[in-house]
Amino acid sequence: MSVKPLLLLCTMILSLLGCANNNESQEWVTLFNGKDLDDWVVKINHHPAGDNYGNTFRVEDGLLKVRYGQYDFTDEFGHLFYQIPFKNFHLRVDYRFSGEFEKGGAKYAELNSGLMFHSQSPESINKDQNWPVSVEMQFLADLGDGKRMTGNMCSPATNIVYKGEVYPAHCLSSNYPALAKEQWVTAELLVEGDSITQLINGQVVLQYSHPTLDGNDKIVKGQSAIFKQDGKLLQSGYIALQSEGQPIEFKNVEIKELD
């Protein structure tokens, strides 16, 4: 075979392989089916994994809703975990705040929720552990003063690197103004290796990298020693939707796994 036909054959093979990879990378998988929570696991502070205390997480009208009508909320911070962990992925979800904030909750949690990722499993969270060790893409709605941003990063018992340095505070603000309550917002999370990009309504709002465990964190209380290994790199983990005392709805929870 001459050189030119051989090069042509190689080009065709590489092109076909590229198409196969592109098709693979463009497959979105629906995590929330709009009917039930069969693929999800609840963990609420002071309750064991699997106990959906007070029917906090529920499916109504095709939406995944967070409600507190069956108990007086104080610090029953809850998280709804998808049943398997993920490593490299592109996740998107629509959220909308609604209703009134529970009076017994902490004031900072008003119109506040989030998406946890690189998290420990729900089964590894101790009964009276307040938060999962994880990284959070924080969702906020406007309180009426125009001061809040949404799509922020918070780091319960973790650290991240921002602009080349370990970020010292618990939360890192994005550059996207929080929208009004009752308005649907599309949040996206892109995790590629140790590089993380957060998007709101299609706009990149925050980029950071290198998530690790923070063994000196004072926010999370009650976690096991294995989750206090200071400096350990987080390369995969579970994702979870949050309940903090504010009614909220989620829909269109989808993920695309990346090579």
C-alpha atoms as a PDB file:
ATOM      1  CA  MET A   1       0.000   0.000   0.000  1.00  0.00           C
ATOM      2  CA  SER A   2       1.376   3.440  -0.926  1.00  0.00           C
ATOM      3  CA  VAL A   3       1.830   6.197   1.637  1.00  0.00           C
ATOM      4  CA  LYS A   4      -1.164   8.323   0.549  1.00  0.00           C
ATOM      5  CA  PRO A   5      -3.803   5.539   0.760  1.00  0.00           C
ATOM      6  CA  LEU A   6      -2.350   4.496   4.102  1.00  0.00           C
ATOM      7  CA  LEU A   7      -2.626   8.041   5.443  1.00  0.00           C
ATOM      8  CA  LEU A   8      -6.178   8.258   4.119  1.00  0.00           C
ATOM      9  CA  LEU A   9      -7.108   4.985   5.844  1.00  0.00           C
ATOM     10  CA  CYS A  10      -5.580   6.161   9.144  1.00  0.00           C
ATOM     11  CA  THR A  11      -7.468   9.458   8.893  1.00  0.00           C
ATOM     12  CA  MET A  12     -10.760   7.633   8.310  1.00  0.00           C
ATOM     13  CA  ILE A  13     -10.171   5.317  11.293  1.00  0.00           C
ATOM     14  CA  LEU A  14      -9.311   8.224  13.597  1.00  0.00           C
ATOM     15  CA  SER A  15     -12.361  10.105  12.379  1.00  0.00           C
ATOM     16  CA  LEU A  16     -14.634   7.152  13.119  1.00  0.00           C
ATOM     17  CA  LEU A  17     -13.113   6.731  16.565  1.00  0.00           C
ATOM     18  CA  GLY A  18     -13.599  10.416  17.198  1.00  0.00           C
ATOM     19  CA  CYS A  19     -17.260  10.175  16.236  1.00  0.00           C
ATOM     20  CA  ALA A  20     -17.729   7.224  18.574  1.00  0.00           C
ATOM     21  CA  ASN A  21     -16.148   9.126  21.441  1.00  0.00           C
ATOM     22  CA  ASN A  22     -18.248  12.212  20.713  1.00  0.00           C
ATOM     23  CA  ASN A  23     -21.447  10.161  20.728  1.00  0.00           C
ATOM     24  CA  GLU A  24     -20.421   8.618  24.030  1.00  0.00           C
ATOM     25  CA  SER A  25     -19.643  11.972  25.624  1.00  0.00           C
ATOM     26  CA  GLN A  26     -22.973  13.480  24.531  1.00  0.00           C
ATOM     27  CA  GLU A  27     -25.211  10.963  26.289  1.00  0.00           C
ATOM     28  CA  TRP A  28     -27.209  12.706  28.999  1.00  0.00           C
ATOM     29  CA  VAL A  29     -28.683  10.449  31.652  1.00  0.00           C
ATOM     30  CA  THR A  30     -31.763  11.497  33.635  1.00  0.00           C
ATOM     31  CA  LEU A  31     -31.225  11.024  37.378  1.00  0.00           C
ATOM     32  CA  PHE A  32     -34.667  12.172  38.554  1.00  0.00           C
ATOM     33  CA  ASN A  33     -37.517  10.460  36.704  1.00  0.00           C
ATOM     34  CA  GLY A  34     -40.284  12.804  37.888  1.00  0.00           C
ATOM     35  CA  LYS A  35     -42.172   9.906  39.484  1.00  0.00           C
ATOM     36  CA  ASP A  36     -40.342   8.669  42.582  1.00  0.00           C
ATOM     37  CA  LEU A  37     -37.094   8.714  44.568  1.00  0.00           C
ATOM     38  CA  ASP A  38     -36.225   5.052  44.067  1.00  0.00           C
ATOM     39  CA  ASP A  39     -32.665   5.835  42.908  1.00  0.00           C
ATOM     40  CA  TRP A  40     -31.961   8.272  45.740  1.00  0.00           C
ATOM     41  CA  VAL A  41     -31.005   7.994  49.426  1.00  0.00           C
ATOM     42  CA  VAL A  42     -32.011  10.538  52.080  1.00  0.00           C
ATOM     43  CA  LYS A  43     -29.769  11.560  54.990  1.00  0.00           C
ATOM     44  CA  ILE A  44     -31.141  14.079  57.487  1.00  0.00           C
ATOM     45  CA  ASN A  45     -29.289  15.325  60.551  1.00  0.00           C
ATOM     46  CA  HIS A  46     -30.224  13.295  63.697  1.00  0.00           C
ATOM     47  CA  HIS A  47     -31.685  10.491  61.561  1.00  0.00           C
ATOM     48  CA  PRO A  48     -30.086   7.436  59.922  1.00  0.00           C
ATOM     49  CA  ALA A  49     -29.440   7.213  56.195  1.00  0.00           C
ATOM     50  CA  GLY A  50     -32.560   6.130  54.350  1.00  0.00           C
ATOM     51  CA  ASP A  51     -34.995   7.785  56.778  1.00  0.00           C
ATOM     52  CA  ASN A  52     -36.896  10.467  54.857  1.00  0.00           C
ATOM     53  CA  TYR A  53     -37.945  12.124  58.113  1.00  0.00           C
ATOM     54  CA  GLY A  54     -41.179  14.083  57.844  1.00  0.00           C
ATOM     55  CA  ASN A  55     -41.403  13.295  54.138  1.00  0.00           C
ATOM     56  CA  THR A  56     -38.948  16.151  53.622  1.00  0.00           C
ATOM     57  CA  PHE A  57     -38.069  15.083  50.076  1.00  0.00           C
ATOM     58  CA  ARG A  58     -41.091  14.220  47.962  1.00  0.00           C
ATOM     59  CA  VAL A  59     -42.280  14.021  44.366  1.00  0.00           C
ATOM     60  CA  GLU A  60     -45.353  16.055  43.434  1.00  0.00           C
ATOM     61  CA  ASP A  61     -46.545  17.263  40.033  1.00  0.00           C
ATOM     62  CA  GLY A  62     -43.422  15.816  38.418  1.00  0.00           C
ATOM     63  CA  LEU A  63     -41.160  17.950  40.619  1.00  0.00           C
ATOM     64  CA  LEU A  64     -38.742  16.982  43.369  1.00  0.00           C
ATOM     65  CA  LYS A  65     -39.894  19.110  46.296  1.00  0.00           C
ATOM     66  CA  VAL A  66     -38.384  19.929  49.693  1.00  0.00           C
ATOM     67  CA  ARG A  67     -40.996  20.573  52.398  1.00  0.00           C
ATOM     68  CA  TYR A  68     -41.107  20.741  56.217  1.00  0.00           C
ATOM     69  CA  GLY A  69     -44.832  20.634  56.982  1.00  0.00           C
ATOM     70  CA  GLN A  70     -44.633  17.523  59.164  1.00  0.00           C
ATOM     71  CA  TYR A  71     -42.160  18.884  61.750  1.00  0.00           C
ATOM     72  CA  ASP A  72     -40.769  22.069  63.282  1.00  0.00           C
ATOM     73  CA  PHE A  73     -37.429  22.656  61.595  1.00  0.00           C
ATOM     74  CA  THR A  74     -34.438  23.556  63.774  1.00  0.00           C
ATOM     75  CA  ASP A  75     -31.223  21.945  62.497  1.00  0.00           C
ATOM     76  CA  GLU A  76     -32.538  18.976  60.514  1.00  0.00           C
ATOM     77  CA  PHE A  77     -30.292  19.807  57.576  1.00  0.00           C
ATOM     78  CA  GLY A  78     -30.947  17.182  54.941  1.00  0.00           C
ATOM     79  CA  HIS A  79     -29.451  15.878  51.718  1.00  0.00           C
ATOM     80  CA  LEU A  80     -30.839  13.661  48.996  1.00  0.00           C
ATOM     81  CA  PHE A  81     -28.052  11.568  47.448  1.00  0.00           C
ATOM     82  CA  TYR A  82     -28.020   9.830  44.107  1.00  0.00           C
ATOM     83  CA  GLN A  83     -27.288   6.152  44.687  1.00  0.00           C
ATOM     84  CA  ILE A  84     -23.892   5.897  42.930  1.00  0.00           C
ATOM     85  CA  PRO A  85     -20.760   8.112  42.929  1.00  0.00           C
ATOM     86  CA  PHE A  86     -19.366  10.027  39.949  1.00  0.00           C
ATOM     87  CA  LYS A  87     -15.882  11.148  38.962  1.00  0.00           C
ATOM     88  CA  ASN A  88     -15.701  13.290  35.806  1.00  0.00           C
ATOM     89  CA  PHE A  89     -19.060  14.661  34.745  1.00  0.00           C
ATOM     90  CA  HIS A  90     -21.257  17.465  33.510  1.00  0.00           C
ATOM     91  CA  LEU A  91     -24.348  17.880  35.683  1.00  0.00           C
ATOM     92  CA  ARG A  92     -27.305  20.182  35.207  1.00  0.00           C
ATOM     93  CA  VAL A  93     -30.403  20.838  37.273  1.00  0.00           C
ATOM     94  CA  ASP A  94     -33.191  23.400  37.391  1.00  0.00           C
ATOM     95  CA  TYR A  95     -34.147  24.825  40.788  1.00  0.00           C
ATOM     96  CA  ARG A  96     -36.788  27.220  42.087  1.00  0.00           C
ATOM     97  CA  PHE A  97     -37.240  28.575  45.609  1.00  0.00           C
ATOM     98  CA  SER A  98     -40.813  28.780  46.884  1.00  0.00           C
ATOM     99  CA  GLY A  99     -42.884  29.192  50.036  1.00  0.00           C
ATOM    100  CA  GLU A 100     -41.713  30.664  53.313  1.00  0.00           C
ATOM    101  CA  PHE A 101     -38.561  29.942  55.261  1.00  0.00           C
ATOM    102  CA  GLU A 102     -39.047  27.814  58.383  1.00  0.00           C
ATOM    103  CA  LYS A 103     -38.925  30.048  61.465  1.00  0.00           C
ATOM    104  CA  GLY A 104     -36.803  27.659  63.507  1.00  0.00           C
ATOM    105  CA  GLY A 105     -33.983  27.572  60.979  1.00  0.00           C
ATOM    106  CA  ALA A 106     -30.748  29.571  60.910  1.00  0.00           C
ATOM    107  CA  LYS A 107     -31.236  32.977  59.285  1.00  0.00           C
ATOM    108  CA  TYR A 108     -28.430  32.427  56.737  1.00  0.00           C
ATOM    109  CA  ALA A 109     -30.380  29.480  55.285  1.00  0.00           C
ATOM    110  CA  GLU A 110     -33.256  31.637  54.082  1.00  0.00           C
ATOM    111  CA  LEU A 111     -33.678  31.217  50.297  1.00  0.00           C
ATOM    112  CA  ASN A 112     -30.567  29.039  50.456  1.00  0.00           C
ATOM    113  CA  SER A 113     -29.932  25.537  49.132  1.00  0.00           C
ATOM    114  CA  GLY A 114     -27.304  23.764  47.092  1.00  0.00           C
ATOM    115  CA  LEU A 115     -25.835  20.864  45.201  1.00  0.00           C
ATOM    116  CA  MET A 116     -23.170  18.811  46.986  1.00  0.00           C
ATOM    117  CA  PHE A 117     -20.570  16.846  45.028  1.00  0.00           C
ATOM    118  CA  HIS A 118     -17.403  14.814  45.687  1.00  0.00           C
ATOM    119  CA  SER A 119     -19.309  13.924  48.855  1.00  0.00           C
ATOM    120  CA  GLN A 120     -18.954  11.024  51.234  1.00  0.00           C
ATOM    121  CA  SER A 121     -21.716   8.430  50.860  1.00  0.00           C
ATOM    122  CA  PRO A 122     -24.962   8.885  52.809  1.00  0.00           C
ATOM    123  CA  GLU A 123     -24.295   5.627  54.678  1.00  0.00           C
ATOM    124  CA  SER A 124     -20.932   6.941  55.925  1.00  0.00           C
ATOM    125  CA  ILE A 125     -22.511  10.064  57.449  1.00  0.00           C
ATOM    126  CA  ASN A 126     -22.960   9.623  61.183  1.00  0.00           C
ATOM    127  CA  LYS A 127     -26.449  10.044  62.648  1.00  0.00           C
ATOM    128  CA  ASP A 128     -25.747  13.407  64.304  1.00  0.00           C
ATOM    129  CA  GLN A 129     -23.353  14.748  61.668  1.00  0.00           C
ATOM    130  CA  ASN A 130     -24.717  18.084  60.501  1.00  0.00           C
ATOM    131  CA  TRP A 131     -23.263  18.239  56.960  1.00  0.00           C
ATOM    132  CA  PRO A 132     -21.699  15.777  54.548  1.00  0.00           C
ATOM    133  CA  VAL A 133     -17.987  16.238  53.888  1.00  0.00           C
ATOM    134  CA  SER A 134     -18.195  17.547  50.332  1.00  0.00           C
ATOM    135  CA  VAL A 135     -17.945  20.546  48.042  1.00  0.00           C
ATOM    136  CA  GLU A 136     -21.098  22.581  47.467  1.00  0.00           C
ATOM    137  CA  MET A 137     -22.412  24.595  44.556  1.00  0.00           C
ATOM    138  CA  GLN A 138     -24.577  26.979  46.553  1.00  0.00           C
ATOM    139  CA  PHE A 139     -27.950  28.230  45.314  1.00  0.00           C
ATOM    140  CA  LEU A 140     -29.361  31.505  46.645  1.00  0.00           C
ATOM    141  CA  ALA A 141     -32.361  33.681  45.789  1.00  0.00           C
ATOM    142  CA  ASP A 142     -32.512  37.440  46.158  1.00  0.00           C
ATOM    143  CA  LEU A 143     -33.619  38.779  49.538  1.00  0.00           C
ATOM    144  CA  GLY A 144     -34.810  42.016  47.958  1.00  0.00           C
ATOM    145  CA  ASP A 145     -31.645  44.045  48.381  1.00  0.00           C
ATOM    146  CA  GLY A 146     -29.772  42.839  45.278  1.00  0.00           C
ATOM    147  CA  LYS A 147     -26.668  41.927  47.287  1.00  0.00           C
ATOM    148  CA  ARG A 148     -26.643  38.158  46.884  1.00  0.00           C
ATOM    149  CA  MET A 149     -24.959  36.065  44.212  1.00  0.00           C
ATOM    150  CA  THR A 150     -25.882  32.511  43.223  1.00  0.00           C
ATOM    151  CA  GLY A 151     -23.762  29.628  41.976  1.00  0.00           C
ATOM    152  CA  ASN A 152     -21.272  30.171  44.785  1.00  0.00           C
ATOM    153  CA  MET A 153     -18.857  27.581  46.194  1.00  0.00           C
ATOM    154  CA  CYS A 154     -18.942  26.423  49.813  1.00  0.00           C
ATOM    155  CA  SER A 155     -16.581  23.889  51.350  1.00  0.00           C
ATOM    156  CA  PRO A 156     -17.886  21.832  54.305  1.00  0.00           C
ATOM    157  CA  ALA A 157     -14.742  20.125  55.689  1.00  0.00           C
ATOM    158  CA  THR A 158     -12.954  20.632  52.372  1.00  0.00           C
ATOM    159  CA  ASN A 159     -10.599  23.094  50.683  1.00  0.00           C
ATOM    160  CA  ILE A 160     -10.296  24.295  47.095  1.00  0.00           C
ATOM    161  CA  VAL A 161      -7.643  26.198  45.151  1.00  0.00           C
ATOM    162  CA  TYR A 162      -8.706  29.536  43.633  1.00  0.00           C
ATOM    163  CA  LYS A 163      -6.382  31.655  41.509  1.00  0.00           C
ATOM    164  CA  GLY A 164      -3.428  29.499  42.473  1.00  0.00           C
ATOM    165  CA  GLU A 165      -3.940  29.571  46.250  1.00  0.00           C
ATOM    166  CA  VAL A 166      -5.936  27.604  48.808  1.00  0.00           C
ATOM    167  CA  TYR A 167      -9.072  29.649  49.397  1.00  0.00           C
ATOM    168  CA  PRO A 168      -9.225  30.483  53.128  1.00  0.00           C
ATOM    169  CA  ALA A 169     -12.954  31.153  53.634  1.00  0.00           C
ATOM    170  CA  HIS A 170     -15.882  28.746  53.791  1.00  0.00           C
ATOM    171  CA  CYS A 171     -17.721  30.208  50.785  1.00  0.00           C
ATOM    172  CA  LEU A 172     -16.511  31.803  47.557  1.00  0.00           C
ATOM    173  CA  SER A 173     -18.915  34.158  45.792  1.00  0.00           C
ATOM    174  CA  SER A 174     -19.693  33.873  42.095  1.00  0.00           C
ATOM    175  CA  ASN A 175     -20.332  36.835  39.799  1.00  0.00           C
ATOM    176  CA  TYR A 176     -23.977  36.053  39.000  1.00  0.00           C
ATOM    177  CA  PRO A 177     -26.709  38.010  40.851  1.00  0.00           C
ATOM    178  CA  ALA A 178     -29.255  35.856  42.664  1.00  0.00           C
ATOM    179  CA  LEU A 179     -32.670  35.875  41.023  1.00  0.00           C
ATOM    180  CA  ALA A 180     -36.077  36.348  42.591  1.00  0.00           C
ATOM    181  CA  LYS A 181     -37.924  33.597  44.427  1.00  0.00           C
ATOM    182  CA  GLU A 182     -40.272  31.474  42.265  1.00  0.00           C
ATOM    183  CA  GLN A 183     -38.021  31.907  39.218  1.00  0.00           C
ATOM    184  CA  TRP A 184     -36.570  28.779  37.611  1.00  0.00           C
ATOM    185  CA  VAL A 185     -32.774  28.791  37.347  1.00  0.00           C
ATOM    186  CA  THR A 186     -30.553  26.331  35.472  1.00  0.00           C
ATOM    187  CA  ALA A 187     -27.373  25.359  37.312  1.00  0.00           C
ATOM    188  CA  GLU A 188     -24.550  23.367  35.717  1.00  0.00           C
ATOM    189  CA  LEU A 189     -21.481  21.775  37.226  1.00  0.00           C
ATOM    190  CA  LEU A 190     -18.546  20.634  35.105  1.00  0.00           C
ATOM    191  CA  VAL A 191     -15.970  18.418  36.852  1.00  0.00           C
ATOM    192  CA  GLU A 192     -12.922  17.467  34.771  1.00  0.00           C
ATOM    193  CA  GLY A 193     -10.132  15.926  36.807  1.00  0.00           C
ATOM    194  CA  ASP A 194      -9.422  18.408  39.588  1.00  0.00           C
ATOM    195  CA  SER A 195     -10.783  21.350  37.558  1.00  0.00           C
ATOM    196  CA  ILE A 196     -14.302  22.563  38.395  1.00  0.00           C
ATOM    197  CA  THR A 197     -16.505  25.018  36.501  1.00  0.00           C
ATOM    198  CA  GLN A 198     -19.895  26.285  37.674  1.00  0.00           C
ATOM    199  CA  LEU A 199     -22.498  27.821  35.374  1.00  0.00           C
ATOM    200  CA  ILE A 200     -25.807  29.608  35.937  1.00  0.00           C
ATOM    201  CA  ASN A 201     -28.252  29.937  33.037  1.00  0.00           C
ATOM    202  CA  GLY A 202     -25.485  28.985  30.613  1.00  0.00           C
ATOM    203  CA  GLN A 203     -22.961  31.520  31.899  1.00  0.00           C
ATOM    204  CA  VAL A 204     -19.683  30.541  33.582  1.00  0.00           C
ATOM    205  CA  VAL A 205     -19.803  32.090  37.052  1.00  0.00           C
ATOM    206  CA  LEU A 206     -16.946  30.415  38.937  1.00  0.00           C
ATOM    207  CA  GLN A 207     -13.878  28.262  38.275  1.00  0.00           C
ATOM    208  CA  TYR A 208     -11.579  26.608  40.811  1.00  0.00           C
ATOM    209  CA  SER A 209      -9.613  23.409  41.299  1.00  0.00           C
ATOM    210  CA  HIS A 210      -7.916  20.825  43.525  1.00  0.00           C
ATOM    211  CA  PRO A 211     -10.607  19.934  46.133  1.00  0.00           C
ATOM    212  CA  THR A 212      -9.124  18.290  49.233  1.00  0.00           C
ATOM    213  CA  LEU A 213     -10.188  17.288  52.725  1.00  0.00           C
ATOM    214  CA  ASP A 214      -9.763  19.918  55.432  1.00  0.00           C
ATOM    215  CA  GLY A 215      -8.904  18.177  58.687  1.00  0.00           C
ATOM    216  CA  ASN A 216      -9.179  21.449  60.640  1.00  0.00           C
ATOM    217  CA  ASP A 217     -12.636  22.488  59.470  1.00  0.00           C
ATOM    218  CA  LYS A 218     -15.024  23.813  62.150  1.00  0.00           C
ATOM    219  CA  ILE A 219     -18.240  23.758  60.091  1.00  0.00           C
ATOM    220  CA  VAL A 220     -18.879  20.021  59.918  1.00  0.00           C
ATOM    221  CA  LYS A 221     -19.372  18.259  63.243  1.00  0.00           C
ATOM    222  CA  GLY A 222     -19.580  14.535  63.950  1.00  0.00           C
ATOM    223  CA  GLN A 223     -17.780  13.030  60.951  1.00  0.00           C
ATOM    224  CA  SER A 224     -15.576   9.961  61.275  1.00  0.00           C
ATOM    225  CA  ALA A 225     -11.773  10.307  61.414  1.00  0.00           C
ATOM    226  CA  ILE A 226     -11.349   8.947  57.877  1.00  0.00           C
ATOM    227  CA  PHE A 227     -12.919  12.157  56.571  1.00  0.00           C
ATOM    228  CA  LYS A 228     -10.458  14.336  58.484  1.00  0.00           C
ATOM    229  CA  GLN A 229      -7.382  13.331  56.476  1.00  0.00           C
ATOM    230  CA  ASP A 230      -6.085  16.833  55.869  1.00  0.00           C
ATOM    231  CA  GLY A 231      -4.955  17.454  52.295  1.00  0.00           C
ATOM    232  CA  LYS A 232      -6.357  14.251  50.771  1.00  0.00           C
ATOM    233  CA  LEU A 233      -7.376  14.920  47.169  1.00  0.00           C
ATOM    234  CA  LEU A 234     -11.054  14.398  46.311  1.00  0.00           C
ATOM    235  CA  GLN A 235     -11.336  12.822  42.865  1.00  0.00           C
ATOM    236  CA  SER A 236     -14.851  11.392  42.990  1.00  0.00           C
ATOM    237  CA  GLY A 237     -17.870  11.078  45.238  1.00  0.00           C
ATOM    238  CA  TYR A 238     -21.617  11.337  45.560  1.00  0.00           C
ATOM    239  CA  ILE A 239     -23.887  14.187  44.501  1.00  0.00           C
ATOM    240  CA  ALA A 240     -26.764  15.429  46.649  1.00  0.00           C
ATOM    241  CA  LEU A 241     -29.517  18.035  46.684  1.00  0.00           C
ATOM    242  CA  GLN A 242     -29.909  20.013  49.876  1.00  0.00           C
ATOM    243  CA  SER A 243     -32.629  20.962  52.369  1.00  0.00           C
ATOM    244  CA  GLU A 244     -31.817  23.754  54.816  1.00  0.00           C
ATOM    245  CA  GLY A 245     -35.225  24.991  55.973  1.00  0.00           C
ATOM    246  CA  GLN A 246     -36.311  26.730  52.787  1.00  0.00           C
ATOM    247  CA  PRO A 247     -38.904  25.113  50.495  1.00  0.00           C
ATOM    248  CA  ILE A 248     -37.431  24.506  47.053  1.00  0.00           C
ATOM    249  CA  GLU A 249     -38.203  22.490  43.927  1.00  0.00           C
ATOM    250  CA  PHE A 250     -35.889  20.703  41.492  1.00  0.00           C
ATOM    251  CA  LYS A 251     -36.435  19.287  38.011  1.00  0.00           C
ATOM    252  CA  ASN A 252     -34.454  18.152  34.954  1.00  0.00           C
ATOM    253  CA  VAL A 253     -31.649  16.549  36.981  1.00  0.00           C
ATOM    254  CA  GLU A 254     -29.317  15.161  34.305  1.00  0.00           C
ATOM    255  CA  ILE A 255     -25.719  14.037  34.088  1.00  0.00           C
ATOM    256  CA  LYS A 256     -23.218  13.327  31.327  1.00  0.00           C
ATOM    257  CA  GLU A 257     -20.217  11.252  32.362  1.00  0.00           C
ATOM    258  CA  LEU A 258     -16.924  12.349  30.810  1.00  0.00           C
ATOM    259  CA  ASP A 259     -13.802  10.361  29.946  1.00  0.00           C
END
